[in-house]
Amino acid sequence: MAQINTVYDFLCKNYQENEPIFLSEIRIPGLKEASVRQQLKKLTEDGRMRRFDAGIYYRPAKSIFQFGSMLSVDEVIRKKYLINENKRCGYVSGMLFANQLGLTTQVPAVYEIYTNKATTDYRDTMLGKQRMIVRRPYVEIDDKNAVILQFLDLLKEVMDISELNGTALTDRLLGYMNANHLRFKNLEPYLPYYPDRIYRNMYEVGLINGVAT
């Protein structure tokens, strides 16, 4: 079987359509990385594969459009930064997370990510056409603390980015805490890792010991 078909058959068996495929993770017995890269280039040229960004590919699902479906940047972010071997290692933050919670209507031009995969405290980069700020977390992220750290990062800057204020803001934050079974005792062990302004913000938004003032 020609190498191009060997590579394509492997990708079809191991990846779903519109699933991010990282060149660095492909291991095909009997083929060197250079050969895999060369065949991926050919598969991209004949349309069976698409290139999302350097080293990132996907099999496009069929669609009503001639050029086929597009890969979601959120799916690439999830695989590249948020999950490692089915374990949580990162989370979205900043304006993006605030928008998801309904604290702002602004659609962020820049995505902020905290991840254990970060090699520096701060990195400004591009993923496809999306600008990214990738940060090293204050504390190593895992399945148990990811929700806590994500919420604390929000509280750290909530007064600067929230369009809600007063009881509306307090109720939205408390609603999130209750939905995720968060109490002040869950947050407290991590507070010393954060700047002092987080305490002021918690007071300003009416959160004391996890309840409204």
N, C-alpha and C. Protein backbone atom coordinates (compact mmCIF):
# COMPACT_ATOMS: atom_id res chain seq x y z
N MET A 1 0.84 -1.21 0.00
CA MET A 1 0.00 0.00 0.00
C MET A 1 0.87 1.25 0.00
N ALA A 2 0.52 2.21 -0.83
CA ALA A 2 1.28 3.45 -0.89
C ALA A 2 1.27 4.14 0.46
N GLN A 3 2.36 4.83 0.77
CA GLN A 3 2.48 5.48 2.08
C GLN A 3 1.34 6.46 2.33
N ILE A 4 0.91 7.15 1.31
CA ILE A 4 -0.16 8.14 1.50
C ILE A 4 -1.45 7.48 2.00
N ASN A 5 -1.75 6.30 1.49
CA ASN A 5 -2.95 5.58 1.92
C ASN A 5 -2.76 4.97 3.30
N THR A 6 -1.53 4.55 3.60
CA THR A 6 -1.23 4.03 4.93
C THR A 6 -1.48 5.10 5.98
N VAL A 7 -1.01 6.30 5.71
CA VAL A 7 -1.18 7.41 6.64
C VAL A 7 -2.66 7.77 6.76
N TYR A 8 -3.36 7.86 5.64
CA TYR A 8 -4.77 8.25 5.68
C TYR A 8 -5.61 7.21 6.41
N ASP A 9 -5.36 5.93 6.16
CA ASP A 9 -6.11 4.87 6.85
C ASP A 9 -5.87 4.94 8.36
N PHE A 10 -4.63 5.21 8.74
CA PHE A 10 -4.32 5.34 10.18
C PHE A 10 -5.10 6.49 10.80
N LEU A 11 -5.14 7.62 10.11
CA LEU A 11 -5.85 8.79 10.64
C LEU A 11 -7.35 8.54 10.73
N CYS A 12 -7.90 7.84 9.75
CA CYS A 12 -9.33 7.53 9.76
C CYS A 12 -9.70 6.60 10.91
N LYS A 13 -8.80 5.67 11.23
CA LYS A 13 -9.07 4.71 12.29
C LYS A 13 -8.89 5.32 13.68
N ASN A 14 -8.05 6.33 13.79
CA ASN A 14 -7.69 6.85 15.11
C ASN A 14 -8.25 8.23 15.43
N TYR A 15 -8.84 8.89 14.45
CA TYR A 15 -9.37 10.23 14.68
C TYR A 15 -10.73 10.40 14.01
N GLN A 16 -11.60 11.12 14.69
CA GLN A 16 -12.90 11.44 14.12
C GLN A 16 -12.77 12.60 13.14
N GLU A 17 -13.79 12.79 12.32
CA GLU A 17 -13.84 13.96 11.47
C GLU A 17 -13.88 15.22 12.33
N ASN A 18 -13.22 16.26 11.88
CA ASN A 18 -13.16 17.55 12.59
C ASN A 18 -12.56 17.42 14.00
N GLU A 19 -11.69 16.46 14.18
CA GLU A 19 -10.94 16.33 15.43
C GLU A 19 -9.51 16.82 15.18
N PRO A 20 -9.00 17.68 16.04
CA PRO A 20 -7.63 18.16 15.85
C PRO A 20 -6.63 17.01 15.88
N ILE A 21 -5.72 17.03 14.93
CA ILE A 21 -4.67 16.01 14.85
C ILE A 21 -3.32 16.73 14.89
N PHE A 22 -2.54 16.43 15.90
CA PHE A 22 -1.23 17.07 16.05
C PHE A 22 -0.16 16.16 15.45
N LEU A 23 0.61 16.72 14.55
CA LEU A 23 1.67 15.96 13.90
C LEU A 23 2.59 15.31 14.93
N SER A 24 2.86 16.02 16.01
CA SER A 24 3.80 15.52 17.03
C SER A 24 3.32 14.25 17.73
N GLU A 25 2.00 13.97 17.67
CA GLU A 25 1.48 12.80 18.37
C GLU A 25 1.27 11.59 17.46
N ILE A 26 1.45 11.75 16.17
CA ILE A 26 1.22 10.65 15.23
C ILE A 26 2.40 9.69 15.25
N ARG A 27 2.11 8.44 15.54
CA ARG A 27 3.13 7.40 15.54
C ARG A 27 2.62 6.23 14.70
N ILE A 28 3.20 6.06 13.52
CA ILE A 28 2.78 4.98 12.62
C ILE A 28 3.95 4.00 12.46
N PRO A 29 3.77 2.76 12.85
CA PRO A 29 4.86 1.77 12.75
C PRO A 29 5.42 1.70 11.33
N GLY A 30 6.74 1.78 11.25
CA GLY A 30 7.41 1.65 9.96
C GLY A 30 7.58 2.96 9.21
N LEU A 31 7.00 4.06 9.73
CA LEU A 31 7.14 5.34 9.06
C LEU A 31 7.81 6.36 9.97
N LYS A 32 8.79 7.05 9.43
CA LYS A 32 9.46 8.09 10.19
C LYS A 32 8.61 9.37 10.17
N GLU A 33 8.88 10.25 11.11
CA GLU A 33 8.11 11.51 11.22
C GLU A 33 8.19 12.31 9.93
N ALA A 34 9.36 12.33 9.30
CA ALA A 34 9.52 13.08 8.05
C ALA A 34 8.61 12.53 6.96
N SER A 35 8.46 11.21 6.92
CA SER A 35 7.59 10.59 5.91
C SER A 35 6.13 10.91 6.19
N VAL A 36 5.75 10.87 7.47
CA VAL A 36 4.37 11.20 7.85
C VAL A 36 4.07 12.65 7.47
N ARG A 37 4.99 13.54 7.74
CA ARG A 37 4.81 14.95 7.41
C ARG A 37 4.63 15.13 5.89
N GLN A 38 5.44 14.41 5.13
CA GLN A 38 5.37 14.51 3.68
C GLN A 38 4.02 14.01 3.15
N GLN A 39 3.53 12.90 3.71
CA GLN A 39 2.25 12.35 3.27
C GLN A 39 1.08 13.23 3.70
N LEU A 40 1.19 13.86 4.86
CA LEU A 40 0.15 14.79 5.30
C LEU A 40 0.06 15.99 4.35
N LYS A 41 1.22 16.43 3.88
CA LYS A 41 1.24 17.53 2.91
C LYS A 41 0.50 17.11 1.63
N LYS A 42 0.74 15.90 1.18
CA LYS A 42 0.07 15.40 -0.02
C LYS A 42 -1.44 15.25 0.22
N LEU A 43 -1.82 14.75 1.39
CA LEU A 43 -3.23 14.58 1.72
C LEU A 43 -3.94 15.93 1.80
N THR A 44 -3.22 16.94 2.25
CA THR A 44 -3.78 18.29 2.29
C THR A 44 -3.96 18.83 0.88
N GLU A 45 -3.01 18.54 0.04
CA GLU A 45 -3.09 19.02 -1.35
C GLU A 45 -4.23 18.36 -2.11
N ASP A 46 -4.52 17.07 -1.80
CA ASP A 46 -5.61 16.41 -2.54
C ASP A 46 -6.97 16.58 -1.85
N GLY A 47 -6.99 17.29 -0.71
CA GLY A 47 -8.26 17.66 -0.08
C GLY A 47 -8.78 16.70 0.97
N ARG A 48 -8.10 15.57 1.15
CA ARG A 48 -8.59 14.62 2.16
C ARG A 48 -8.31 15.10 3.58
N MET A 49 -7.28 15.94 3.75
CA MET A 49 -6.96 16.52 5.04
C MET A 49 -6.91 18.03 4.91
N ARG A 50 -7.06 18.71 6.03
CA ARG A 50 -6.94 20.16 6.07
C ARG A 50 -5.88 20.54 7.10
N ARG A 51 -5.19 21.62 6.82
CA ARG A 51 -4.20 22.15 7.76
C ARG A 51 -4.82 23.32 8.51
N PHE A 52 -4.88 23.23 9.85
CA PHE A 52 -5.41 24.31 10.66
C PHE A 52 -4.33 25.33 10.99
N ASP A 53 -3.16 24.82 11.33
CA ASP A 53 -2.02 25.66 11.68
C ASP A 53 -0.79 24.77 11.58
N ALA A 54 0.36 25.34 11.82
CA ALA A 54 1.59 24.55 11.74
C ALA A 54 1.50 23.33 12.65
N GLY A 55 1.62 22.15 12.08
CA GLY A 55 1.60 20.92 12.86
C GLY A 55 0.23 20.47 13.33
N ILE A 56 -0.85 21.12 12.87
CA ILE A 56 -2.21 20.78 13.30
C ILE A 56 -3.08 20.54 12.07
N TYR A 57 -3.68 19.36 11.99
CA TYR A 57 -4.48 18.97 10.84
C TYR A 57 -5.83 18.42 11.31
N TYR A 58 -6.72 18.19 10.34
CA TYR A 58 -8.00 17.54 10.65
C TYR A 58 -8.61 16.98 9.37
N ARG A 59 -9.48 15.99 9.56
CA ARG A 59 -10.24 15.43 8.44
C ARG A 59 -11.56 16.19 8.36
N PRO A 60 -11.78 16.95 7.31
CA PRO A 60 -13.02 17.74 7.25
C PRO A 60 -14.25 16.88 7.05
N ALA A 61 -15.28 17.16 7.83
CA ALA A 61 -16.56 16.48 7.63
C ALA A 61 -17.24 17.05 6.40
N LYS A 62 -18.08 16.27 5.77
CA LYS A 62 -18.79 16.74 4.59
C LYS A 62 -19.80 17.80 5.00
N SER A 63 -19.97 18.79 4.15
CA SER A 63 -20.95 19.84 4.43
C SER A 63 -21.56 20.30 3.12
N ILE A 64 -22.50 21.24 3.23
CA ILE A 64 -23.15 21.76 2.03
C ILE A 64 -22.23 22.67 1.24
N PHE A 65 -21.12 23.08 1.90
CA PHE A 65 -20.17 23.97 1.23
C PHE A 65 -19.10 23.16 0.51
N GLN A 66 -18.67 23.66 -0.60
CA GLN A 66 -17.69 22.95 -1.42
C GLN A 66 -16.37 22.73 -0.68
N PHE A 67 -15.99 23.72 0.16
CA PHE A 67 -14.71 23.61 0.85
C PHE A 67 -14.79 22.76 2.11
N GLY A 68 -15.97 22.24 2.42
CA GLY A 68 -16.12 21.36 3.58
C GLY A 68 -16.23 22.13 4.88
N SER A 69 -16.32 21.39 5.96
CA SER A 69 -16.49 22.00 7.28
C SER A 69 -15.17 22.54 7.81
N MET A 70 -15.26 23.45 8.76
CA MET A 70 -14.08 24.06 9.35
C MET A 70 -13.86 23.51 10.76
N LEU A 71 -12.62 23.45 11.17
CA LEU A 71 -12.28 22.99 12.51
C LEU A 71 -12.46 24.14 13.50
N SER A 72 -13.15 23.86 14.61
CA SER A 72 -13.38 24.87 15.63
C SER A 72 -12.10 25.16 16.40
N VAL A 73 -11.79 26.45 16.57
CA VAL A 73 -10.61 26.83 17.35
C VAL A 73 -10.76 26.38 18.80
N ASP A 74 -12.00 26.31 19.29
CA ASP A 74 -12.23 25.86 20.66
C ASP A 74 -11.80 24.41 20.86
N GLU A 75 -12.02 23.59 19.83
CA GLU A 75 -11.60 22.18 19.90
C GLU A 75 -10.08 22.07 19.92
N VAL A 76 -9.42 22.92 19.15
CA VAL A 76 -7.95 22.91 19.12
C VAL A 76 -7.41 23.38 20.47
N ILE A 77 -7.99 24.43 21.02
CA ILE A 77 -7.56 24.94 22.33
C ILE A 77 -7.72 23.86 23.39
N ARG A 78 -8.86 23.20 23.37
CA ARG A 78 -9.12 22.15 24.37
C ARG A 78 -8.04 21.07 24.32
N LYS A 79 -7.73 20.60 23.14
CA LYS A 79 -6.76 19.51 23.03
C LYS A 79 -5.33 19.98 23.26
N LYS A 80 -5.03 21.20 22.82
CA LYS A 80 -3.65 21.69 22.89
C LYS A 80 -3.29 22.17 24.29
N TYR A 81 -4.27 22.79 25.00
CA TYR A 81 -3.94 23.44 26.26
C TYR A 81 -4.72 22.96 27.49
N LEU A 82 -5.91 22.43 27.31
CA LEU A 82 -6.78 22.19 28.47
C LEU A 82 -6.80 20.74 28.96
N ILE A 83 -6.47 19.81 28.08
CA ILE A 83 -6.54 18.39 28.44
C ILE A 83 -5.22 17.71 28.10
N ASN A 84 -4.76 16.87 29.02
CA ASN A 84 -3.55 16.09 28.78
C ASN A 84 -3.80 14.67 29.25
N GLU A 85 -3.85 13.74 28.28
CA GLU A 85 -4.12 12.33 28.59
C GLU A 85 -5.41 12.19 29.40
N ASN A 86 -6.44 12.85 28.92
CA ASN A 86 -7.79 12.81 29.52
C ASN A 86 -7.88 13.43 30.90
N LYS A 87 -6.84 14.18 31.29
CA LYS A 87 -6.86 14.87 32.58
C LYS A 87 -6.82 16.37 32.35
N ARG A 88 -7.50 17.10 33.21
CA ARG A 88 -7.57 18.55 33.08
C ARG A 88 -6.21 19.17 33.40
N CYS A 89 -5.75 20.05 32.53
CA CYS A 89 -4.46 20.70 32.77
C CYS A 89 -4.51 22.19 32.46
N GLY A 90 -5.71 22.72 32.14
CA GLY A 90 -5.81 24.12 31.82
C GLY A 90 -7.24 24.60 31.82
N TYR A 91 -7.43 25.90 31.67
CA TYR A 91 -8.76 26.49 31.59
C TYR A 91 -8.69 27.85 30.90
N VAL A 92 -9.82 28.27 30.36
CA VAL A 92 -9.90 29.60 29.75
C VAL A 92 -10.13 30.63 30.85
N SER A 93 -9.68 31.84 30.61
CA SER A 93 -9.77 32.88 31.64
C SER A 93 -10.08 34.22 30.99
N GLY A 94 -9.98 35.30 31.78
CA GLY A 94 -10.12 36.65 31.26
C GLY A 94 -11.50 36.94 30.70
N MET A 95 -11.52 37.76 29.65
CA MET A 95 -12.76 38.21 29.04
C MET A 95 -13.57 37.05 28.47
N LEU A 96 -12.89 36.02 27.97
CA LEU A 96 -13.60 34.87 27.41
C LEU A 96 -14.44 34.16 28.46
N PHE A 97 -13.86 33.90 29.61
CA PHE A 97 -14.60 33.23 30.68
C PHE A 97 -15.71 34.14 31.21
N ALA A 98 -15.43 35.44 31.34
CA ALA A 98 -16.44 36.39 31.80
C ALA A 98 -17.61 36.43 30.83
N ASN A 99 -17.33 36.35 29.54
CA ASN A 99 -18.38 36.32 28.54
C ASN A 99 -19.22 35.05 28.66
N GLN A 100 -18.57 33.92 28.90
CA GLN A 100 -19.28 32.65 29.05
C GLN A 100 -20.22 32.68 30.26
N LEU A 101 -19.84 33.42 31.30
CA LEU A 101 -20.66 33.52 32.50
C LEU A 101 -21.72 34.61 32.40
N GLY A 102 -21.69 35.36 31.31
CA GLY A 102 -22.67 36.42 31.14
C GLY A 102 -22.36 37.69 31.89
N LEU A 103 -21.09 37.85 32.29
CA LEU A 103 -20.68 39.06 33.01
C LEU A 103 -20.38 40.21 32.05
N THR A 104 -20.16 39.89 30.79
CA THR A 104 -19.90 40.91 29.78
C THR A 104 -20.43 40.44 28.44
N THR A 105 -20.83 41.39 27.62
CA THR A 105 -21.29 41.06 26.27
C THR A 105 -20.15 41.17 25.26
N GLN A 106 -19.00 41.64 25.72
CA GLN A 106 -17.86 41.80 24.82
C GLN A 106 -17.32 40.44 24.37
N VAL A 107 -17.10 40.33 23.09
CA VAL A 107 -16.47 39.13 22.54
C VAL A 107 -14.98 39.38 22.49
N PRO A 108 -14.20 38.61 23.21
CA PRO A 108 -12.76 38.91 23.31
C PRO A 108 -12.03 38.73 22.00
N ALA A 109 -11.16 39.67 21.70
CA ALA A 109 -10.29 39.55 20.53
C ALA A 109 -9.11 38.64 20.84
N VAL A 110 -8.80 38.53 22.12
CA VAL A 110 -7.67 37.71 22.58
C VAL A 110 -8.20 36.67 23.57
N TYR A 111 -7.82 35.42 23.37
CA TYR A 111 -8.18 34.35 24.30
C TYR A 111 -7.07 34.20 25.33
N GLU A 112 -7.44 34.15 26.60
CA GLU A 112 -6.47 33.93 27.67
C GLU A 112 -6.61 32.51 28.21
N ILE A 113 -5.49 31.85 28.34
CA ILE A 113 -5.46 30.46 28.77
C ILE A 113 -4.43 30.29 29.89
N TYR A 114 -4.82 29.61 30.95
CA TYR A 114 -3.87 29.15 31.96
C TYR A 114 -3.70 27.64 31.76
N THR A 115 -2.46 27.18 31.68
CA THR A 115 -2.23 25.77 31.41
C THR A 115 -0.90 25.30 32.00
N ASN A 116 -0.90 24.06 32.45
CA ASN A 116 0.35 23.45 32.92
C ASN A 116 1.35 23.28 31.78
N LYS A 117 0.86 23.31 30.56
CA LYS A 117 1.73 23.13 29.40
C LYS A 117 2.54 24.38 29.07
N ALA A 118 2.22 25.50 29.71
CA ALA A 118 2.95 26.74 29.46
C ALA A 118 4.39 26.59 29.93
N THR A 119 5.31 27.05 29.12
CA THR A 119 6.73 26.96 29.46
C THR A 119 7.27 28.27 30.02
N THR A 120 6.46 29.33 29.93
CA THR A 120 6.83 30.63 30.49
C THR A 120 5.63 31.21 31.23
N ASP A 121 5.86 32.24 32.04
CA ASP A 121 4.76 32.86 32.78
C ASP A 121 3.76 33.53 31.84
N TYR A 122 4.26 34.02 30.70
CA TYR A 122 3.39 34.75 29.78
C TYR A 122 3.89 34.56 28.35
N ARG A 123 2.95 34.22 27.47
CA ARG A 123 3.33 34.08 26.06
C ARG A 123 2.20 34.60 25.18
N ASP A 124 2.53 35.51 24.29
CA ASP A 124 1.58 36.06 23.33
C ASP A 124 1.83 35.34 22.00
N THR A 125 0.83 34.59 21.53
CA THR A 125 1.05 33.76 20.35
C THR A 125 -0.21 33.72 19.49
N MET A 126 -0.14 33.02 18.38
CA MET A 126 -1.28 32.85 17.49
C MET A 126 -1.58 31.37 17.36
N LEU A 127 -2.87 31.05 17.31
CA LEU A 127 -3.33 29.69 17.04
C LEU A 127 -4.30 29.79 15.88
N GLY A 128 -3.86 29.38 14.69
CA GLY A 128 -4.64 29.67 13.51
C GLY A 128 -4.69 31.19 13.32
N LYS A 129 -5.89 31.73 13.29
CA LYS A 129 -6.07 33.18 13.16
C LYS A 129 -6.42 33.83 14.50
N GLN A 130 -6.39 33.05 15.57
CA GLN A 130 -6.79 33.55 16.87
C GLN A 130 -5.57 33.91 17.72
N ARG A 131 -5.56 35.15 18.20
CA ARG A 131 -4.49 35.57 19.11
C ARG A 131 -4.72 34.96 20.48
N MET A 132 -3.65 34.48 21.10
CA MET A 132 -3.73 33.78 22.38
C MET A 132 -2.73 34.37 23.38
N ILE A 133 -3.17 34.50 24.62
CA ILE A 133 -2.26 34.76 25.73
C ILE A 133 -2.23 33.49 26.56
N VAL A 134 -1.08 32.86 26.62
CA VAL A 134 -0.92 31.60 27.35
C VAL A 134 -0.10 31.87 28.60
N ARG A 135 -0.65 31.50 29.75
CA ARG A 135 0.00 31.80 31.02
C ARG A 135 0.25 30.53 31.83
N ARG A 136 1.28 30.58 32.64
CA ARG A 136 1.55 29.52 33.60
C ARG A 136 0.68 29.77 34.83
N PRO A 137 -0.01 28.77 35.36
CA PRO A 137 -0.90 28.98 36.50
C PRO A 137 -0.14 29.24 37.80
N TYR A 138 -0.82 29.88 38.75
CA TYR A 138 -0.24 30.11 40.08
C TYR A 138 0.02 28.76 40.78
N VAL A 139 -0.90 27.82 40.55
CA VAL A 139 -0.82 26.49 41.15
C VAL A 139 -1.06 25.47 40.04
N GLU A 140 -0.39 24.33 40.10
CA GLU A 140 -0.60 23.32 39.07
C GLU A 140 -2.06 22.91 39.01
N ILE A 141 -2.60 22.87 37.80
CA ILE A 141 -4.01 22.59 37.58
C ILE A 141 -4.25 21.09 37.50
N ASP A 142 -5.33 20.63 38.13
CA ASP A 142 -5.74 19.24 38.01
C ASP A 142 -7.26 19.16 37.96
N ASP A 143 -7.79 17.96 37.89
CA ASP A 143 -9.23 17.78 37.77
C ASP A 143 -9.99 18.37 38.96
N LYS A 144 -9.39 18.36 40.13
CA LYS A 144 -10.08 18.79 41.33
C LYS A 144 -10.07 20.31 41.52
N ASN A 145 -8.98 20.96 41.13
CA ASN A 145 -8.88 22.40 41.45
C ASN A 145 -9.12 23.32 40.26
N ALA A 146 -9.33 22.77 39.07
CA ALA A 146 -9.46 23.62 37.87
C ALA A 146 -10.59 24.63 38.00
N VAL A 147 -11.75 24.19 38.48
CA VAL A 147 -12.89 25.10 38.62
C VAL A 147 -12.59 26.18 39.65
N ILE A 148 -11.92 25.81 40.72
CA ILE A 148 -11.57 26.77 41.78
C ILE A 148 -10.61 27.83 41.26
N LEU A 149 -9.54 27.40 40.61
CA LEU A 149 -8.54 28.34 40.11
C LEU A 149 -9.12 29.24 39.02
N GLN A 150 -9.96 28.68 38.18
CA GLN A 150 -10.59 29.48 37.13
C GLN A 150 -11.46 30.58 37.74
N PHE A 151 -12.20 30.23 38.79
CA PHE A 151 -13.05 31.21 39.45
C PHE A 151 -12.22 32.28 40.16
N LEU A 152 -11.14 31.88 40.80
CA LEU A 152 -10.28 32.85 41.47
C LEU A 152 -9.62 33.80 40.48
N ASP A 153 -9.24 33.29 39.32
CA ASP A 153 -8.68 34.17 38.30
C ASP A 153 -9.71 35.18 37.82
N LEU A 154 -10.96 34.76 37.78
CA LEU A 154 -12.03 35.70 37.44
C LEU A 154 -12.18 36.77 38.52
N LEU A 155 -12.21 36.34 39.78
CA LEU A 155 -12.36 37.30 40.88
C LEU A 155 -11.21 38.30 40.92
N LYS A 156 -10.05 37.87 40.51
CA LYS A 156 -8.87 38.73 40.53
C LYS A 156 -9.06 39.97 39.66
N GLU A 157 -9.86 39.86 38.60
CA GLU A 157 -10.03 40.98 37.68
C GLU A 157 -11.48 41.31 37.38
N VAL A 158 -12.40 40.76 38.19
CA VAL A 158 -13.83 40.90 37.90
C VAL A 158 -14.29 42.35 37.88
N MET A 159 -13.72 43.21 38.73
CA MET A 159 -14.15 44.60 38.79
C MET A 159 -13.76 45.37 37.53
N ASP A 160 -12.77 44.88 36.82
CA ASP A 160 -12.30 45.55 35.62
C ASP A 160 -13.06 45.11 34.36
N ILE A 161 -13.60 43.91 34.37
CA ILE A 161 -14.16 43.37 33.13
C ILE A 161 -15.67 43.13 33.17
N SER A 162 -16.27 43.11 34.35
CA SER A 162 -17.70 42.82 34.43
C SER A 162 -18.54 44.05 34.06
N GLU A 163 -19.58 43.83 33.26
CA GLU A 163 -20.54 44.88 32.95
C GLU A 163 -21.68 44.90 33.97
N LEU A 164 -21.77 43.84 34.77
CA LEU A 164 -22.75 43.79 35.84
C LEU A 164 -22.15 44.40 37.09
N ASN A 165 -23.00 44.88 37.97
CA ASN A 165 -22.53 45.38 39.26
C ASN A 165 -23.62 45.19 40.31
N GLY A 166 -23.30 45.51 41.55
CA GLY A 166 -24.27 45.39 42.63
C GLY A 166 -24.78 43.97 42.81
N THR A 167 -26.07 43.86 43.15
CA THR A 167 -26.64 42.55 43.44
C THR A 167 -26.68 41.65 42.20
N ALA A 168 -26.77 42.26 41.00
CA ALA A 168 -26.79 41.46 39.78
C ALA A 168 -25.49 40.68 39.63
N LEU A 169 -24.37 41.35 39.91
CA LEU A 169 -23.07 40.70 39.83
C LEU A 169 -22.92 39.66 40.93
N THR A 170 -23.30 40.03 42.14
CA THR A 170 -23.21 39.10 43.27
C THR A 170 -24.03 37.84 43.00
N ASP A 171 -25.25 38.02 42.53
CA ASP A 171 -26.13 36.86 42.28
C ASP A 171 -25.56 35.97 41.18
N ARG A 172 -24.95 36.58 40.16
CA ARG A 172 -24.38 35.77 39.06
C ARG A 172 -23.20 34.95 39.57
N LEU A 173 -22.36 35.55 40.39
CA LEU A 173 -21.20 34.84 40.94
C LEU A 173 -21.62 33.75 41.91
N LEU A 174 -22.60 34.06 42.76
CA LEU A 174 -23.10 33.06 43.70
C LEU A 174 -23.78 31.91 42.97
N GLY A 175 -24.47 32.24 41.89
CA GLY A 175 -25.10 31.19 41.09
C GLY A 175 -24.07 30.24 40.52
N TYR A 176 -22.94 30.80 40.06
CA TYR A 176 -21.88 29.95 39.53
C TYR A 176 -21.27 29.09 40.64
N MET A 177 -21.05 29.70 41.80
CA MET A 177 -20.50 28.94 42.93
C MET A 177 -21.41 27.79 43.31
N ASN A 178 -22.69 28.06 43.40
CA ASN A 178 -23.64 27.02 43.79
C ASN A 178 -23.72 25.92 42.74
N ALA A 179 -23.71 26.30 41.47
CA ALA A 179 -23.78 25.31 40.39
C ALA A 179 -22.57 24.39 40.38
N ASN A 180 -21.44 24.90 40.87
CA ASN A 180 -20.20 24.11 40.88
C ASN A 180 -19.81 23.66 42.28
N HIS A 181 -20.75 23.78 43.22
CA HIS A 181 -20.56 23.31 44.60
C HIS A 181 -19.31 23.93 45.24
N LEU A 182 -19.13 25.22 45.00
CA LEU A 182 -17.99 25.94 45.57
C LEU A 182 -18.41 26.68 46.83
N ARG A 183 -17.57 26.58 47.86
CA ARG A 183 -17.77 27.33 49.08
C ARG A 183 -16.46 28.04 49.41
N PHE A 184 -16.53 28.99 50.30
CA PHE A 184 -15.33 29.74 50.65
C PHE A 184 -14.22 28.81 51.12
N LYS A 185 -14.56 27.75 51.82
CA LYS A 185 -13.55 26.81 52.31
C LYS A 185 -12.78 26.15 51.17
N ASN A 186 -13.44 26.05 49.98
CA ASN A 186 -12.74 25.49 48.81
C ASN A 186 -11.75 26.48 48.22
N LEU A 187 -12.10 27.77 48.30
CA LEU A 187 -11.25 28.82 47.73
C LEU A 187 -10.08 29.17 48.63
N GLU A 188 -10.32 29.12 49.93
CA GLU A 188 -9.38 29.66 50.91
C GLU A 188 -7.95 29.13 50.80
N PRO A 189 -7.72 27.83 50.59
CA PRO A 189 -6.34 27.34 50.52
C PRO A 189 -5.52 27.94 49.38
N TYR A 190 -6.19 28.44 48.33
CA TYR A 190 -5.49 28.95 47.17
C TYR A 190 -5.34 30.47 47.18
N LEU A 191 -6.04 31.14 48.06
CA LEU A 191 -6.01 32.61 48.08
C LEU A 191 -4.61 33.19 48.28
N PRO A 192 -3.75 32.59 49.11
CA PRO A 192 -2.40 33.17 49.31
C PRO A 192 -1.56 33.24 48.04
N TYR A 193 -1.91 32.48 47.03
CA TYR A 193 -1.14 32.49 45.78
C TYR A 193 -1.51 33.68 44.90
N TYR A 194 -2.61 34.37 45.23
CA TYR A 194 -3.12 35.43 44.37
C TYR A 194 -2.78 36.81 44.93
N PRO A 195 -2.76 37.83 44.06
CA PRO A 195 -2.48 39.20 44.51
C PRO A 195 -3.50 39.66 45.55
N ASP A 196 -3.11 40.59 46.39
CA ASP A 196 -3.97 41.05 47.48
C ASP A 196 -5.28 41.64 46.99
N ARG A 197 -5.31 42.14 45.76
CA ARG A 197 -6.54 42.78 45.28
C ARG A 197 -7.70 41.80 45.18
N ILE A 198 -7.42 40.51 45.19
CA ILE A 198 -8.52 39.55 45.11
C ILE A 198 -9.41 39.64 46.35
N TYR A 199 -8.80 39.96 47.51
CA TYR A 199 -9.60 40.12 48.73
C TYR A 199 -10.50 41.34 48.62
N ARG A 200 -9.96 42.42 48.07
CA ARG A 200 -10.75 43.64 47.90
C ARG A 200 -11.91 43.40 46.93
N ASN A 201 -11.62 42.68 45.86
CA ASN A 201 -12.67 42.39 44.88
C ASN A 201 -13.76 41.52 45.47
N MET A 202 -13.38 40.54 46.28
CA MET A 202 -14.38 39.68 46.90
C MET A 202 -15.29 40.50 47.82
N TYR A 203 -14.71 41.48 48.49
CA TYR A 203 -15.51 42.35 49.34
C TYR A 203 -16.42 43.23 48.49
N GLU A 204 -15.87 43.78 47.41
CA GLU A 204 -16.63 44.69 46.55
C GLU A 204 -17.83 44.00 45.91
N VAL A 205 -17.68 42.74 45.53
CA VAL A 205 -18.79 42.04 44.86
C VAL A 205 -19.72 41.36 45.85
N GLY A 206 -19.44 41.52 47.15
CA GLY A 206 -20.35 40.99 48.16
C GLY A 206 -20.17 39.53 48.48
N LEU A 207 -18.96 39.02 48.25
CA LEU A 207 -18.71 37.62 48.58
C LEU A 207 -17.84 37.54 49.85
N ILE A 208 -18.44 37.10 50.92
CA ILE A 208 -17.71 36.86 52.16
C ILE A 208 -18.10 35.47 52.65
N ASN A 209 -17.09 34.62 52.75
CA ASN A 209 -17.32 33.23 53.13
C ASN A 209 -18.32 32.54 52.21
N GLY A 210 -18.32 32.99 50.94
CA GLY A 210 -19.17 32.31 49.95
C GLY A 210 -20.63 32.72 49.99
N VAL A 211 -20.98 33.76 50.73
CA VAL A 211 -22.37 34.22 50.76
C VAL A 211 -22.40 35.70 50.50
N ALA A 212 -23.57 36.23 50.11
CA ALA A 212 -23.69 37.65 49.83
C ALA A 212 -23.70 38.43 51.12
N THR A 213 -23.13 39.66 51.08
CA THR A 213 -23.17 40.53 52.26
C THR A 213 -24.55 41.12 52.40
